[in-house]
Amino acid sequence: MKLKRILLSVVLLTVATLAGLLAVRMDWFEPIPARNESAFVFRDSFEKAAVFRDLFPQDLSRWHGIQQVPERNTIDLSTEKAHSGQQSLKCFASVKRNDITSKSDVERELLHFVKGDHVWSECWLWLKGGSSAEHVFLWDLESSHKWQSPGRRIYLQKGDVIASDLGKWFFSNIFRQPPQQAVPFPFDRWVRLRVHLFLSEQSDGIMEIWQDDTKVIDAHGQTLPTARTIYDRLEVGITANGSTEHAHTLYVDDVTISRRAFW
């Protein structure tokens, strides 16, 4: 009898814990966030910065944080490559080891994109060649207030072609290029990445991705985890390197994110 009571207590505790985690993840108890109709645009060309820390001013007008995992990874300003101006951001991410995903990127927080909003973003990327870039993630728009920060991510899949998933969510529908028309991501030159999202937790969401002047993703489906989700953080760089074989170097320049179309 004592053993049964113990087992019942364990089961009830497990159920309560899972229910609590599910409620937090699904945000049933939170109000629907209000849309912000005002114009918003953030741009950074990584100029007017003598040293890396100048990208993070106290007035929060530029970038707000970095991911540098593990510590041997590097992220800094560089004059080796520049799409415009004199410098860009150089990100180096080592291989994935011991189930720790390698990361090297910058973060812009305090964003406010919700259901019904359009997101327009552009950045210029120079990915150093020499090996497959499968499992390299380049651009994340996510919700920092939710467990594991789910959101839409852009990455390179097998064949070094762009795809997008709804990362760290229960049902991650992946937007892929048609196999017979897939365009590999170029190495060793500047590539313009353009992204347009219409945010919805239902099937009417929209995601369009352009690689230079070619639209490589034109998808409809879920682009927001829940109707109450607020995308408040943009990450650009090597937001994840899932490869256990290849380290990667990426240069980033001329990053823009806006609530309204600018091209």
Foldseek 3Di string as FASTA:
>chain_A
DVVVVVVVVVVVVVVVVVVVLVCQQQVPVDDQDDDDPDWDKAKDFPPPDPWFCVQPDPVLNGFPFWDAPPVVWDWIWDQPDGPDDRIFIKTWWFEDDPNGWTFTWTKRFQDWDAAQFKKKKKKKKAWADDDDQAQFWFKFFFFPSGVVTWFKTWGAHPVQFIKIWRPPADDIDIFFFDPVPTDHQDHGDIWMWIWMWRADQAQQIWIWIDTRNRTRTTGTGHGANHNRGTRGMMIGDRRTRHHNPDMIMMTMGIIMMIRDDDD
